[in-house]
Amino acid sequence: MRNLSDQVALVTGASRGIGAEVAKGLAACGARVVVSARKLRDAERSAQAIIAKGGTAEAVVCDVTDYESVRSAVSYCEVRYGRLDILVNNAGVIDPIARLSDSDPELWASAVDVNVKGVYFGIRAATGIMLKQGAGTVINMSSGAANSILEGWSHYCSTKSAVKKLTECAHKELFEQGISVIGLSPGTVATDMMKKIRDSGINPVSQLDWSSHISAHSVGEAVVYLCTPAARDLSGTDFSLKTEEGRRRVQASAQSE
């Protein structure tokens, strides 16, 4: 179920945290992974970590706020490997954590550029090659914030809610043509982003004990599962690792190896 040896994957925001672990997880299951980040040296560091463990990975620059940059990363996959089977729209920001009255308008707008436009740009750029193949999987990193109202997170709740609807729209338009588009809501994850949330001291999420957060590795395992045929029924949904059913499905997939 978890053999991805014939797959080519592009992961955005893969220099560290969830993105880096997603790339490692895909490569561990045999996928040829193209690791992308805004800075080439950061992407190369993640790619080298995969190669050191026997995986196949290459690094490219990709600024998700720039459509031509995203299109170039997708084009690299097509030229290098002749296909693109998996796109993981992982790049995202939590800044600026601030109440509306204190928020920086430019930073707020920047969050929209990364968290919403970046996902749209990824889908738009990858759709062409996936439609030609008649198959593909797009994973959009979601959040419980898509359905919540959290103080200081007006930008994050709004953008993640938008991504949820974008996932549903993409599913409606692409599923019958062989492309699965799935949102993944992992819950709170022990990453640098969560450290920023903790340090802000705003809203209950910042008060959670560090031990309550899941590992980025666990999110990587979930993405691998969502890229298998067993998860095709989840297209158009916001798959949550916070539910017992969600965790059971991922664990069952991992145990089938």
Protein backbone atom coordinates (compact mmCIF):
# COMPACT_ATOMS: atom_id res chain seq x y z
CA MET A 1 0.00 0.00 0.00
CA ARG A 2 2.87 2.37 0.75
CA ASN A 3 5.09 1.56 -2.22
CA LEU A 4 5.62 4.83 -4.08
CA SER A 5 8.57 3.69 -6.17
CA ASP A 6 6.98 4.76 -9.46
CA GLN A 7 6.00 8.21 -8.16
CA VAL A 8 7.55 11.68 -8.53
CA ALA A 9 6.74 14.13 -5.74
CA LEU A 10 7.20 17.88 -5.30
CA VAL A 11 7.09 19.25 -1.74
CA THR A 12 6.94 23.00 -1.09
CA GLY A 13 8.34 24.60 2.05
CA ALA A 14 10.50 21.53 2.61
CA SER A 15 13.57 23.10 4.20
CA ARG A 16 12.60 22.04 7.73
CA GLY A 17 9.78 20.93 10.00
CA ILE A 18 6.77 19.24 8.44
CA GLY A 19 7.95 19.76 4.86
CA ALA A 20 11.32 18.11 5.47
CA GLU A 21 9.69 15.14 7.20
CA VAL A 22 7.11 14.77 4.44
CA ALA A 23 9.89 14.67 1.86
CA LYS A 24 11.78 12.05 3.91
CA GLY A 25 8.65 9.93 4.30
CA LEU A 26 7.87 9.96 0.59
CA ALA A 27 11.47 9.13 -0.31
CA ALA A 28 11.56 6.29 2.25
CA CYS A 29 8.67 4.70 0.36
CA GLY A 30 10.54 4.93 -2.93
CA ALA A 31 9.29 8.21 -4.40
CA ARG A 32 11.67 10.44 -6.30
CA VAL A 33 11.32 13.68 -4.37
CA VAL A 34 11.93 17.23 -5.54
CA VAL A 35 12.49 19.32 -2.43
CA SER A 36 11.71 23.01 -2.75
CA ALA A 37 12.31 26.09 -0.62
CA ARG A 38 12.80 29.81 -1.14
CA LYS A 39 16.55 29.42 -0.67
CA LEU A 40 18.41 26.78 -2.65
CA ARG A 41 20.86 25.97 0.15
CA ASP A 42 17.97 25.16 2.48
CA ALA A 43 16.38 22.85 -0.08
CA GLU A 44 19.74 21.23 -0.75
CA ARG A 45 20.20 20.51 2.95
CA SER A 46 16.91 18.60 3.05
CA ALA A 47 17.70 16.78 -0.17
CA GLN A 48 21.11 15.70 1.12
CA ALA A 49 19.53 14.31 4.29
CA ILE A 50 17.33 12.09 2.10
CA ILE A 51 20.18 11.02 -0.16
CA ALA A 52 22.30 10.12 2.89
CA LYS A 53 19.64 7.56 3.81
CA GLY A 54 19.54 6.04 0.34
CA GLY A 55 16.62 8.01 -1.05
CA THR A 56 16.31 9.92 -4.30
CA ALA A 57 15.99 13.69 -3.94
CA GLU A 58 16.81 16.88 -5.78
CA ALA A 59 16.55 20.49 -4.69
CA VAL A 60 14.95 23.44 -6.46
CA VAL A 61 14.13 27.02 -5.58
CA CYS A 62 10.43 27.75 -5.23
CA ASP A 63 8.82 30.90 -3.87
CA VAL A 64 5.15 29.97 -3.61
CA THR A 65 4.08 33.63 -3.74
CA ASP A 66 5.44 33.83 -7.31
CA TYR A 67 3.50 31.79 -9.88
CA GLU A 68 6.39 31.65 -12.32
CA SER A 69 8.61 30.24 -9.59
CA VAL A 70 6.05 27.53 -8.80
CA ARG A 71 5.55 26.77 -12.48
CA SER A 72 9.32 26.46 -12.89
CA ALA A 73 9.52 23.90 -10.06
CA VAL A 74 6.74 21.84 -11.65
CA SER A 75 8.42 22.13 -15.04
CA TYR A 76 11.66 20.85 -13.51
CA CYS A 77 9.86 17.67 -12.43
CA GLU A 78 8.42 17.18 -15.90
CA VAL A 79 11.74 17.76 -17.68
CA ARG A 80 13.79 15.70 -15.21
CA TYR A 81 11.43 12.78 -14.73
CA GLY A 82 8.75 13.13 -17.38
CA ARG A 83 5.95 13.28 -14.83
CA LEU A 84 4.62 14.63 -11.54
CA ASP A 85 2.45 12.34 -9.44
CA ILE A 86 2.35 14.06 -6.05
CA LEU A 87 2.25 17.71 -5.06
CA VAL A 88 2.37 18.58 -1.37
CA ASN A 89 1.39 22.21 -0.81
CA ASN A 90 3.09 22.51 2.56
CA ALA A 91 4.54 26.03 2.57
CA GLY A 92 2.75 28.21 5.12
CA VAL A 93 3.29 30.92 7.72
CA ILE A 94 1.83 31.70 11.15
CA ASP A 95 3.13 35.27 11.25
CA PRO A 96 1.86 37.77 12.23
CA ILE A 97 0.38 36.45 15.48
CA ALA A 98 -1.44 39.56 16.65
CA ARG A 99 -4.87 40.87 17.45
CA LEU A 100 -6.52 42.63 14.52
CA SER A 101 -6.07 46.07 16.05
CA ASP A 102 -2.33 45.46 16.43
CA SER A 103 -1.70 43.54 13.20
CA ASP A 104 0.68 44.70 10.48
CA PRO A 105 -1.31 45.05 7.22
CA GLU A 106 1.66 44.11 5.05
CA LEU A 107 2.43 40.97 7.07
CA TRP A 108 -1.27 40.05 7.11
CA ALA A 109 -1.37 40.35 3.32
CA SER A 110 1.85 38.36 3.05
CA ALA A 111 0.20 35.50 4.95
CA VAL A 112 -2.55 35.46 2.33
CA ASP A 113 0.06 35.33 -0.43
CA VAL A 114 1.80 32.30 1.08
CA ASN A 115 -1.08 30.39 2.64
CA VAL A 116 -3.74 30.85 -0.05
CA LYS A 117 -2.15 32.03 -3.28
CA GLY A 118 0.69 29.57 -2.80
CA VAL A 119 -1.75 26.65 -2.69
CA TYR A 120 -3.66 27.92 -5.72
CA PHE A 121 -0.43 28.46 -7.65
CA GLY A 122 0.66 24.90 -6.85
CA ILE A 123 -2.61 23.38 -8.01
CA ARG A 124 -2.70 25.56 -11.12
CA ALA A 125 0.88 24.73 -12.10
CA ALA A 126 0.60 20.99 -11.46
CA THR A 127 -2.81 20.50 -13.05
CA GLY A 128 -1.53 20.52 -16.62
CA ILE A 129 0.88 17.60 -16.29
CA MET A 130 -1.44 15.62 -14.00
CA LEU A 131 -4.33 15.97 -16.43
CA LYS A 132 -2.13 14.72 -19.26
CA GLN A 133 -1.22 11.71 -17.12
CA GLY A 134 -4.82 11.16 -16.09
CA ALA A 135 -3.67 10.75 -12.50
CA GLY A 136 -2.16 12.65 -9.60
CA THR A 137 -2.48 13.50 -5.93
CA VAL A 138 -2.43 16.97 -4.36
CA ILE A 139 -2.12 17.29 -0.60
CA ASN A 140 -2.95 20.72 0.83
CA MET A 141 -1.68 21.28 4.36
CA SER A 142 -4.71 22.35 6.36
CA SER A 143 -5.39 23.08 10.01
CA GLY A 144 -8.06 22.93 12.66
CA ALA A 145 -7.92 26.73 12.35
CA ALA A 146 -9.98 26.36 9.17
CA ASN A 147 -12.99 25.67 11.40
CA SER A 148 -12.02 27.70 14.47
CA ILE A 149 -12.01 31.27 15.73
CA LEU A 150 -8.76 31.94 17.57
CA GLU A 151 -7.64 35.25 19.04
CA GLY A 152 -4.59 36.65 17.27
CA TRP A 153 -4.97 34.26 14.35
CA SER A 154 -7.35 36.16 12.08
CA HIS A 155 -4.93 35.72 9.16
CA TYR A 156 -4.33 32.02 9.82
CA CYS A 157 -7.96 31.05 10.43
CA SER A 158 -9.04 32.98 7.34
CA THR A 159 -6.39 31.57 5.03
CA LYS A 160 -6.80 27.98 6.20
CA SER A 161 -10.56 28.27 5.77
CA ALA A 162 -9.92 29.48 2.23
CA VAL A 163 -7.61 26.54 1.56
CA LYS A 164 -10.30 24.14 2.74
CA LYS A 165 -12.74 25.55 0.18
CA LEU A 166 -10.04 25.54 -2.50
CA THR A 167 -9.49 21.84 -1.80
CA GLU A 168 -13.22 21.18 -2.21
CA CYS A 169 -13.41 23.17 -5.45
CA ALA A 170 -10.35 21.40 -6.89
CA HIS A 171 -11.83 18.01 -5.99
CA LYS A 172 -15.09 18.87 -7.73
CA GLU A 173 -13.27 19.87 -10.92
CA LEU A 174 -10.48 17.28 -11.01
CA PHE A 175 -11.53 14.06 -9.30
CA GLU A 176 -13.36 12.59 -12.29
CA GLN A 177 -10.21 13.19 -14.33
CA GLY A 178 -8.07 11.08 -12.03
CA ILE A 179 -6.70 13.67 -9.62
CA SER A 180 -7.24 13.42 -5.86
CA VAL A 181 -7.05 16.66 -3.88
CA ILE A 182 -7.00 16.16 -0.12
CA GLY A 183 -6.59 18.52 2.83
CA LEU A 184 -4.57 17.32 5.80
CA SER A 185 -5.24 18.77 9.23
CA PRO A 186 -2.56 17.35 11.52
CA GLY A 187 -3.38 19.13 14.76
CA THR A 188 -0.59 20.79 16.71
CA VAL A 189 2.90 19.73 15.66
CA ALA A 190 6.21 20.14 17.48
CA THR A 191 7.95 22.49 15.02
CA ASP A 192 9.47 25.97 14.94
CA MET A 193 6.02 27.31 14.06
CA MET A 194 4.64 25.90 17.28
CA LYS A 195 7.47 27.59 19.20
CA LYS A 196 6.34 30.93 17.74
CA ILE A 197 2.80 30.17 18.84
CA ARG A 198 3.96 29.25 22.34
CA ASP A 199 6.09 32.38 22.64
CA SER A 200 3.21 34.64 21.56
CA GLY A 201 1.17 33.78 24.66
CA ILE A 202 -2.01 34.56 22.71
CA ASN A 203 -5.02 32.17 22.78
CA PRO A 204 -5.25 28.69 24.34
CA VAL A 205 -3.09 26.97 21.72
CA SER A 206 -0.03 28.83 23.04
CA GLN A 207 -0.68 27.36 26.49
CA LEU A 208 -0.61 23.71 25.43
CA ASP A 209 2.06 21.52 26.99
CA TRP A 210 4.79 20.70 24.50
CA SER A 211 4.24 16.98 25.06
CA SER A 212 0.75 17.28 23.59
CA HIS A 213 2.09 18.11 20.12
CA ILE A 214 2.66 15.32 17.61
CA SER A 215 5.95 14.94 15.74
CA ALA A 216 6.53 16.20 12.21
CA HIS A 217 7.48 12.62 11.36
CA SER A 218 3.90 11.55 12.13
CA VAL A 219 2.62 14.11 9.64
CA GLY A 220 5.01 12.70 7.05
CA GLU A 221 3.52 9.24 7.60
CA ALA A 222 0.04 10.65 7.11
CA VAL A 223 1.00 12.29 3.81
CA VAL A 224 2.45 9.01 2.56
CA TYR A 225 -0.84 7.29 3.37
CA LEU A 226 -2.87 9.98 1.60
CA CYS A 227 -0.80 9.39 -1.54
CA THR A 228 -1.86 5.74 -1.75
CA PRO A 229 -4.95 4.32 -3.52
CA ALA A 230 -6.40 3.44 -0.10
CA ALA A 231 -7.00 7.15 0.54
CA ARG A 232 -8.72 8.00 -2.73
CA ASP A 233 -12.10 8.13 -1.00
CA LEU A 234 -10.80 11.09 1.03
CA SER A 235 -10.47 13.39 -1.96
CA GLY A 236 -12.20 16.71 -1.32
CA THR A 237 -12.14 16.23 2.45
CA ASP A 238 -10.15 17.77 5.26
CA PHE A 239 -8.53 14.64 6.70
CA SER A 240 -7.75 15.04 10.40
CA LEU A 241 -5.11 13.30 12.48
CA LYS A 242 -6.94 14.47 15.60
CA THR A 243 -9.67 11.87 15.13
CA GLU A 244 -9.36 8.26 16.19
CA GLU A 245 -10.50 7.11 12.76
CA GLY A 246 -7.86 9.24 11.03
CA ARG A 247 -5.06 7.90 13.19
CA ARG A 248 -6.30 4.35 12.77
CA ARG A 249 -6.24 4.57 8.99
CA VAL A 250 -2.68 5.91 8.92
CA GLN A 251 -1.43 3.36 11.43
CA ALA A 252 -3.06 0.49 9.57
CA SER A 253 -1.34 1.62 6.38
CA ALA A 254 2.05 1.80 8.10
CA GLN A 255 1.61 -1.67 9.61
CA SER A 256 0.84 -3.16 6.20
CA GLU A 257 4.38 -2.55 4.97
